[in-house]
Amino acid sequence: MMTLSMVHEGARAVLRSIGGGQQMRGRLAALGLLPGTELEVVQNSGGGPFVVAVRGSRIVIGRGMAARIEVE
């Protein structure tokens, strides 16, 4: 497994777990980021926003959050 922040632009991954506090997990769940969800990394340029596509929507998350999301 690896973190979402390590996935290259255009690649797909399946969310396996979310580290961090309950508030962060709740916020991501409200955005549709739940274990088992397939994600596509839209933008990961190393700086600036981190954008993922989930179920037809694009979501911008912080790099710190992306580093706590485990995917495969």
N, C-alpha and C. Protein backbone atom coordinates (compact mmCIF):
# COMPACT_ATOMS: atom_id res chain seq x y z
N MET A 1 0.84 -1.19 0.00
CA MET A 1 0.00 0.00 0.00
C MET A 1 0.88 1.25 0.00
N MET A 2 0.28 2.35 -0.41
CA MET A 2 0.97 3.64 -0.43
C MET A 2 -0.04 4.71 -0.08
N THR A 3 0.44 5.93 0.07
CA THR A 3 -0.48 7.03 0.37
C THR A 3 -0.96 7.66 -0.93
N LEU A 4 -2.09 8.32 -0.85
CA LEU A 4 -2.67 8.97 -2.03
C LEU A 4 -1.73 10.02 -2.60
N SER A 5 -0.94 10.67 -1.75
CA SER A 5 -0.03 11.71 -2.22
C SER A 5 1.06 11.16 -3.13
N MET A 6 1.27 9.84 -3.13
CA MET A 6 2.29 9.21 -3.96
C MET A 6 1.77 8.79 -5.34
N VAL A 7 0.48 8.88 -5.57
CA VAL A 7 -0.14 8.44 -6.83
C VAL A 7 0.04 9.54 -7.88
N HIS A 8 0.45 9.15 -9.07
CA HIS A 8 0.70 10.09 -10.16
C HIS A 8 -0.60 10.54 -10.82
N GLU A 9 -0.54 11.71 -11.46
CA GLU A 9 -1.70 12.23 -12.18
C GLU A 9 -2.17 11.24 -13.24
N GLY A 10 -3.48 11.08 -13.35
CA GLY A 10 -4.07 10.19 -14.33
C GLY A 10 -4.21 8.76 -13.85
N ALA A 11 -3.58 8.41 -12.73
CA ALA A 11 -3.64 7.05 -12.20
C ALA A 11 -4.88 6.87 -11.32
N ARG A 12 -5.34 5.63 -11.25
CA ARG A 12 -6.47 5.29 -10.40
C ARG A 12 -5.98 4.48 -9.22
N ALA A 13 -6.71 4.59 -8.11
CA ALA A 13 -6.37 3.84 -6.90
C ALA A 13 -7.65 3.59 -6.13
N VAL A 14 -7.60 2.60 -5.24
CA VAL A 14 -8.75 2.28 -4.39
C VAL A 14 -8.39 2.67 -2.96
N LEU A 15 -9.24 3.47 -2.35
CA LEU A 15 -9.01 3.92 -0.98
C LEU A 15 -9.16 2.73 -0.03
N ARG A 16 -8.18 2.53 0.83
CA ARG A 16 -8.21 1.42 1.79
C ARG A 16 -8.43 1.88 3.21
N SER A 17 -7.77 2.96 3.64
CA SER A 17 -7.98 3.44 5.00
C SER A 17 -7.58 4.91 5.09
N ILE A 18 -8.11 5.56 6.13
CA ILE A 18 -7.81 6.96 6.37
C ILE A 18 -7.26 7.09 7.77
N GLY A 19 -6.04 7.60 7.87
CA GLY A 19 -5.46 7.89 9.18
C GLY A 19 -5.90 9.28 9.60
N GLY A 20 -5.59 9.64 10.82
CA GLY A 20 -5.96 10.97 11.28
C GLY A 20 -7.12 10.91 12.24
N GLY A 21 -7.58 12.05 12.64
CA GLY A 21 -8.63 12.15 13.63
C GLY A 21 -10.02 11.91 13.08
N GLN A 22 -10.95 11.81 14.00
CA GLN A 22 -12.34 11.54 13.65
C GLN A 22 -12.93 12.67 12.81
N GLN A 23 -12.54 13.90 13.10
CA GLN A 23 -13.07 15.04 12.33
C GLN A 23 -12.64 14.96 10.87
N MET A 24 -11.38 14.62 10.63
CA MET A 24 -10.89 14.51 9.25
C MET A 24 -11.57 13.35 8.53
N ARG A 25 -11.68 12.21 9.19
CA ARG A 25 -12.35 11.05 8.57
C ARG A 25 -13.80 11.37 8.25
N GLY A 26 -14.48 12.10 9.14
CA GLY A 26 -15.87 12.48 8.90
C GLY A 26 -16.01 13.43 7.73
N ARG A 27 -15.08 14.39 7.62
CA ARG A 27 -15.13 15.35 6.51
C ARG A 27 -14.92 14.64 5.18
N LEU A 28 -13.94 13.74 5.14
CA LEU A 28 -13.67 13.01 3.90
C LEU A 28 -14.83 12.07 3.55
N ALA A 29 -15.45 11.46 4.55
CA ALA A 29 -16.60 10.59 4.30
C ALA A 29 -17.76 11.41 3.72
N ALA A 30 -17.94 12.63 4.21
CA ALA A 30 -19.00 13.49 3.68
C ALA A 30 -18.75 13.86 2.22
N LEU A 31 -17.48 13.86 1.82
CA LEU A 31 -17.12 14.15 0.43
C LEU A 31 -17.19 12.90 -0.46
N GLY A 32 -17.49 11.75 0.13
CA GLY A 32 -17.58 10.52 -0.64
C GLY A 32 -16.32 9.68 -0.62
N LEU A 33 -15.34 10.06 0.19
CA LEU A 33 -14.10 9.30 0.28
C LEU A 33 -14.22 8.28 1.41
N LEU A 34 -14.63 7.09 1.03
CA LEU A 34 -14.83 5.99 1.97
C LEU A 34 -13.99 4.80 1.54
N PRO A 35 -13.63 3.92 2.48
CA PRO A 35 -12.88 2.72 2.09
C PRO A 35 -13.61 1.94 1.00
N GLY A 36 -12.83 1.51 0.00
CA GLY A 36 -13.39 0.77 -1.13
C GLY A 36 -13.72 1.65 -2.32
N THR A 37 -13.66 2.96 -2.17
CA THR A 37 -13.98 3.90 -3.24
C THR A 37 -12.82 4.00 -4.22
N GLU A 38 -13.13 3.98 -5.51
CA GLU A 38 -12.10 4.16 -6.53
C GLU A 38 -11.93 5.65 -6.79
N LEU A 39 -10.66 6.08 -6.83
CA LEU A 39 -10.31 7.47 -7.04
C LEU A 39 -9.45 7.60 -8.28
N GLU A 40 -9.51 8.75 -8.92
CA GLU A 40 -8.57 9.07 -10.00
C GLU A 40 -7.88 10.37 -9.63
N VAL A 41 -6.56 10.39 -9.66
CA VAL A 41 -5.82 11.60 -9.34
C VAL A 41 -5.84 12.50 -10.58
N VAL A 42 -6.41 13.67 -10.42
CA VAL A 42 -6.53 14.63 -11.52
C VAL A 42 -5.34 15.58 -11.53
N GLN A 43 -4.91 16.00 -10.34
CA GLN A 43 -3.78 16.92 -10.25
C GLN A 43 -2.94 16.59 -9.04
N ASN A 44 -1.65 16.35 -9.28
CA ASN A 44 -0.67 16.11 -8.23
C ASN A 44 0.68 16.59 -8.75
N SER A 45 0.82 17.89 -8.78
CA SER A 45 2.03 18.47 -9.37
C SER A 45 3.15 18.69 -8.37
N GLY A 46 2.98 18.24 -7.13
CA GLY A 46 4.01 18.41 -6.12
C GLY A 46 3.84 19.68 -5.31
N GLY A 47 3.10 20.63 -5.84
CA GLY A 47 2.81 21.87 -5.14
C GLY A 47 1.43 22.33 -5.55
N GLY A 48 0.82 23.12 -4.73
CA GLY A 48 -0.53 23.57 -5.05
C GLY A 48 -1.57 22.54 -4.69
N PRO A 49 -2.77 22.69 -5.21
CA PRO A 49 -3.88 21.81 -4.79
C PRO A 49 -3.70 20.37 -5.28
N PHE A 50 -4.28 19.46 -4.52
CA PHE A 50 -4.30 18.03 -4.86
C PHE A 50 -5.75 17.74 -5.22
N VAL A 51 -6.00 17.32 -6.46
CA VAL A 51 -7.37 17.14 -6.95
C VAL A 51 -7.60 15.67 -7.31
N VAL A 52 -8.71 15.11 -6.81
CA VAL A 52 -9.09 13.74 -7.15
C VAL A 52 -10.51 13.73 -7.71
N ALA A 53 -10.77 12.78 -8.58
CA ALA A 53 -12.12 12.57 -9.11
C ALA A 53 -12.72 11.37 -8.39
N VAL A 54 -13.93 11.58 -7.86
CA VAL A 54 -14.63 10.52 -7.13
C VAL A 54 -16.07 10.52 -7.58
N ARG A 55 -16.52 9.42 -8.16
CA ARG A 55 -17.91 9.26 -8.58
C ARG A 55 -18.41 10.44 -9.39
N GLY A 56 -17.61 10.89 -10.35
CA GLY A 56 -18.03 11.96 -11.24
C GLY A 56 -17.83 13.37 -10.71
N SER A 57 -17.32 13.52 -9.49
CA SER A 57 -17.06 14.84 -8.92
C SER A 57 -15.56 15.02 -8.71
N ARG A 58 -15.14 16.26 -8.75
CA ARG A 58 -13.74 16.57 -8.46
C ARG A 58 -13.66 17.18 -7.07
N ILE A 59 -12.71 16.71 -6.30
CA ILE A 59 -12.55 17.16 -4.92
C ILE A 59 -11.13 17.63 -4.72
N VAL A 60 -10.99 18.78 -4.09
CA VAL A 60 -9.67 19.32 -3.76
C VAL A 60 -9.42 19.05 -2.29
N ILE A 61 -8.29 18.41 -2.00
CA ILE A 61 -7.93 18.14 -0.61
C ILE A 61 -6.51 18.63 -0.37
N GLY A 62 -6.20 18.84 0.88
CA GLY A 62 -4.86 19.28 1.24
C GLY A 62 -3.84 18.16 1.10
N ARG A 63 -2.61 18.53 0.92
CA ARG A 63 -1.54 17.54 0.78
C ARG A 63 -1.35 16.75 2.08
N GLY A 64 -1.58 17.38 3.22
CA GLY A 64 -1.49 16.67 4.49
C GLY A 64 -2.53 15.58 4.58
N MET A 65 -3.73 15.86 4.10
CA MET A 65 -4.80 14.85 4.09
C MET A 65 -4.43 13.72 3.14
N ALA A 66 -3.94 14.09 1.95
CA ALA A 66 -3.58 13.07 0.96
C ALA A 66 -2.51 12.13 1.51
N ALA A 67 -1.64 12.64 2.36
CA ALA A 67 -0.57 11.83 2.93
C ALA A 67 -1.09 10.86 3.98
N ARG A 68 -2.31 11.07 4.48
CA ARG A 68 -2.89 10.18 5.50
C ARG A 68 -3.89 9.18 4.93
N ILE A 69 -4.10 9.24 3.62
CA ILE A 69 -5.05 8.33 2.97
C ILE A 69 -4.26 7.20 2.32
N GLU A 70 -4.51 5.96 2.77
CA GLU A 70 -3.81 4.81 2.21
C GLU A 70 -4.64 4.23 1.07
N VAL A 71 -3.96 3.97 -0.05
CA VAL A 71 -4.62 3.43 -1.24
C VAL A 71 -3.80 2.27 -1.79
N GLU A 72 -4.40 1.54 -2.70
CA GLU A 72 -3.66 0.51 -3.44
C GLU A 72 -4.12 0.49 -4.88
